[in-house]
Amino acid sequence: MSCEHARLLSRLARHEDALSILEDAHLQNLDVIRPLLLLGRRRYRAGQSQREVSDFDAVLEQVPSSIEAHYGRARTYRCRKLLGDAKRWLHRTVALSPSHAGTLRELTNLKDLAAGNIQFSGLISAIEDDSAPTQRRVVLHMAAGASCHNVKPYADAFDHYRNGNLLKDVVFNIQAMPGILTV
């Protein structure tokens, strides 16, 4: 209950209140990792990157394969503009969860995921999973589009962008975009 209360407070931008609740929840039961994960995420949103790393490290000490903690570390480093460290942690995360949408999106944004590499094939497999939630497939299509765009197969990039937008019920019409070359 306290974790959900803290999440709600954070969404209301009451980060300090959310952090206080999560710190209390963690102190009440040091063996439970959920408050630590949430503390790390909330500290990220509150701009407390130094402390969030220690929260994620504490989770990793207890659960070395925690996808959320690996991804949290990666986002922390990306936020700090430590891109080499961010990429390293993103690759660790994708090794644990090859279809993790946020990780694949971040790798694409860092131009470290290109059509043809092994992570890209994991991205395509995740897109083709019809049981995946629609929003996740939208994120994956956009990441695939950006990956294709980065290495210049523009037709493939537009196909992914279009398919992602269709899942969102957004229609992209290239003819309606002045100044954009058609392929």
Protein backbone atom coordinates (compact mmCIF):
# COMPACT_ATOMS: atom_id res chain seq x y z
CA MET A 1 0.00 0.00 0.00
CA SER A 2 2.72 2.50 0.88
CA CYS A 3 4.45 1.86 -2.47
CA GLU A 4 1.25 2.66 -4.36
CA HIS A 5 0.72 5.78 -2.25
CA ALA A 6 4.27 6.91 -3.03
CA ARG A 7 3.76 6.25 -6.74
CA LEU A 8 0.63 8.42 -6.71
CA LEU A 9 2.42 11.22 -4.86
CA SER A 10 5.26 11.08 -7.37
CA ARG A 11 2.82 11.40 -10.26
CA LEU A 12 1.50 14.50 -8.54
CA ALA A 13 5.10 15.83 -8.49
CA ARG A 14 5.25 15.50 -4.71
CA HIS A 15 8.60 13.76 -4.93
CA GLU A 16 9.82 14.55 -1.41
CA ASP A 17 6.66 13.08 0.14
CA ALA A 18 6.94 9.99 -2.08
CA LEU A 19 10.60 9.53 -1.15
CA SER A 20 9.82 9.82 2.55
CA ILE A 21 7.14 7.11 2.35
CA LEU A 22 9.42 4.79 0.37
CA GLU A 23 12.36 5.33 2.72
CA ASP A 24 10.10 4.43 5.67
CA ALA A 25 8.81 1.33 3.83
CA HIS A 26 12.37 0.23 3.13
CA LEU A 27 13.49 0.76 6.72
CA GLN A 28 10.55 -1.29 8.00
CA ASN A 29 11.67 -4.31 5.97
CA LEU A 30 15.22 -4.17 4.64
CA ASP A 31 14.86 -7.47 2.78
CA VAL A 32 12.10 -6.28 0.46
CA ILE A 33 13.48 -4.84 -2.79
CA ARG A 34 10.31 -3.22 -4.19
CA PRO A 35 10.67 -0.02 -2.11
CA LEU A 36 14.32 0.23 -3.18
CA LEU A 37 13.42 -0.04 -6.86
CA LEU A 38 10.76 2.58 -6.44
CA LEU A 39 13.15 4.77 -4.46
CA GLY A 40 15.64 4.59 -7.31
CA ARG A 41 12.99 5.53 -9.86
CA ARG A 42 11.59 8.36 -7.75
CA ARG A 43 15.07 9.72 -7.05
CA TYR A 44 15.65 9.66 -10.82
CA ARG A 45 12.53 11.78 -11.31
CA ALA A 46 13.50 14.07 -8.44
CA GLY A 47 17.00 14.58 -9.86
CA GLN A 48 18.85 12.76 -7.06
CA SER A 49 21.05 10.65 -9.32
CA GLN A 50 23.81 9.97 -6.75
CA ARG A 51 21.41 8.33 -4.32
CA GLU A 52 19.46 6.44 -6.97
CA VAL A 53 22.60 4.56 -8.01
CA SER A 54 23.05 3.30 -4.45
CA ASP A 55 19.39 2.18 -4.39
CA PHE A 56 19.82 0.21 -7.61
CA ASP A 57 23.12 -1.23 -6.36
CA ALA A 58 21.41 -2.41 -3.17
CA VAL A 59 18.78 -4.17 -5.29
CA LEU A 60 21.48 -5.76 -7.45
CA GLU A 61 23.25 -7.06 -4.35
CA GLN A 62 20.09 -8.96 -3.43
CA VAL A 63 18.88 -9.81 -6.95
CA PRO A 64 21.78 -9.60 -9.46
CA SER A 65 19.45 -10.33 -12.38
CA SER A 66 16.98 -7.51 -11.64
CA ILE A 67 16.05 -6.08 -15.01
CA GLU A 68 14.54 -2.98 -13.40
CA ALA A 69 17.73 -2.24 -11.45
CA HIS A 70 19.93 -2.71 -14.54
CA TYR A 71 17.66 -0.45 -16.57
CA GLY A 72 17.55 2.07 -13.74
CA ARG A 73 21.35 2.24 -13.66
CA ALA A 74 21.42 2.74 -17.43
CA ARG A 75 18.93 5.60 -17.28
CA THR A 76 20.88 7.20 -14.45
CA TYR A 77 24.07 7.21 -16.51
CA ARG A 78 22.22 8.45 -19.60
CA CYS A 79 20.76 11.31 -17.56
CA ARG A 80 24.26 12.19 -16.34
CA LYS A 81 25.50 12.04 -19.95
CA LEU A 82 27.88 9.18 -19.10
CA LEU A 83 27.04 7.48 -22.38
CA GLY A 84 29.66 4.73 -22.28
CA ASP A 85 28.37 3.57 -18.89
CA ALA A 86 24.78 3.96 -20.07
CA LYS A 87 25.41 1.75 -23.10
CA ARG A 88 27.17 -0.86 -20.97
CA TRP A 89 24.21 -1.09 -18.58
CA LEU A 90 21.71 -1.07 -21.45
CA HIS A 91 23.51 -4.00 -23.04
CA ARG A 92 23.44 -5.82 -19.70
CA THR A 93 19.70 -5.18 -19.49
CA VAL A 94 18.99 -6.39 -23.02
CA ALA A 95 21.06 -9.51 -22.31
CA LEU A 96 18.67 -10.25 -19.42
CA SER A 97 15.54 -9.24 -21.34
CA PRO A 98 16.03 -9.13 -25.14
CA SER A 99 12.63 -7.54 -25.75
CA HIS A 100 12.72 -4.85 -23.04
CA ALA A 101 11.09 -1.96 -24.89
CA GLY A 102 12.66 0.87 -22.90
CA THR A 103 16.15 -0.57 -23.25
CA LEU A 104 15.77 -1.08 -26.99
CA ARG A 105 14.45 2.47 -27.36
CA GLU A 106 17.40 3.88 -25.37
CA LEU A 107 19.92 1.88 -27.42
CA THR A 108 18.31 3.27 -30.57
CA ASN A 109 18.46 6.82 -29.22
CA LEU A 110 22.16 6.33 -28.50
CA LYS A 111 22.61 5.01 -32.06
CA ASP A 112 23.84 1.74 -30.60
CA LEU A 113 21.14 -0.47 -32.11
CA ALA A 114 21.20 -0.91 -35.85
CA ALA A 115 19.34 -3.10 -38.27
CA GLY A 116 21.34 -6.28 -38.65
CA ASN A 117 22.76 -6.66 -35.14
CA ILE A 118 21.53 -9.29 -32.70
CA GLN A 119 19.60 -6.87 -30.50
CA PHE A 120 17.73 -5.66 -33.58
CA SER A 121 16.51 -9.17 -34.30
CA GLY A 122 15.27 -9.31 -30.70
CA LEU A 123 13.48 -6.03 -31.34
CA ILE A 124 11.75 -7.45 -34.42
CA SER A 125 10.76 -10.59 -32.50
CA ALA A 126 9.24 -8.45 -29.77
CA ILE A 127 7.28 -6.42 -32.35
CA GLU A 128 5.89 -9.60 -33.84
CA ASP A 129 4.61 -10.79 -30.45
CA ASP A 130 0.89 -10.10 -30.89
CA SER A 131 0.29 -10.80 -27.20
CA ALA A 132 2.42 -7.80 -26.19
CA PRO A 133 0.52 -4.70 -25.03
CA THR A 134 -0.17 -2.19 -27.79
CA GLN A 135 1.79 0.64 -26.16
CA ARG A 136 4.85 -1.59 -25.90
CA ARG A 137 4.59 -2.51 -29.59
CA VAL A 138 4.27 1.19 -30.47
CA VAL A 139 7.53 1.94 -28.61
CA LEU A 140 9.23 -1.02 -30.31
CA HIS A 141 8.08 0.05 -33.81
CA MET A 142 9.38 3.57 -33.18
CA ALA A 143 12.71 2.16 -31.98
CA ALA A 144 12.92 -0.08 -35.06
CA GLY A 145 12.10 2.89 -37.28
CA ALA A 146 14.85 4.97 -35.71
CA SER A 147 17.30 2.06 -35.96
CA CYS A 148 16.58 1.67 -39.67
CA HIS A 149 16.78 5.42 -40.17
CA ASN A 150 20.21 5.49 -38.49
CA VAL A 151 21.65 3.13 -41.12
CA LYS A 152 19.66 4.53 -44.05
CA PRO A 153 17.07 1.87 -45.04
CA TYR A 154 14.50 4.67 -45.09
CA ALA A 155 11.67 2.59 -46.57
CA ASP A 156 11.94 0.16 -43.65
CA ALA A 157 12.10 3.07 -41.21
CA PHE A 158 8.91 4.62 -42.59
CA ASP A 159 7.18 1.20 -42.48
CA HIS A 160 7.96 0.90 -38.77
CA TYR A 161 6.95 4.49 -38.04
CA ARG A 162 3.70 3.98 -39.96
CA ASN A 163 2.95 0.68 -38.20
CA GLY A 164 3.65 2.22 -34.80
CA ASN A 165 1.38 5.14 -35.58
CA LEU A 166 -1.34 2.81 -36.84
CA LEU A 167 -1.26 1.03 -33.50
CA LYS A 168 -1.79 4.44 -31.87
CA ASP A 169 -4.59 5.22 -34.34
CA VAL A 170 -2.46 8.04 -35.75
CA VAL A 171 -2.21 8.21 -39.53
CA PHE A 172 1.03 9.52 -41.00
CA ASN A 173 0.69 10.91 -44.51
CA ILE A 174 4.05 11.79 -46.03
CA GLN A 175 2.39 13.66 -48.92
CA ALA A 176 0.87 16.06 -46.39
CA MET A 177 4.33 16.94 -45.02
CA PRO A 178 5.80 19.83 -47.00
CA GLY A 179 9.52 19.65 -47.55
CA ILE A 180 9.89 15.91 -46.89
CA LEU A 181 11.27 13.89 -49.75
CA THR A 182 9.35 10.81 -50.77
CA VAL A 183 11.20 7.55 -51.00
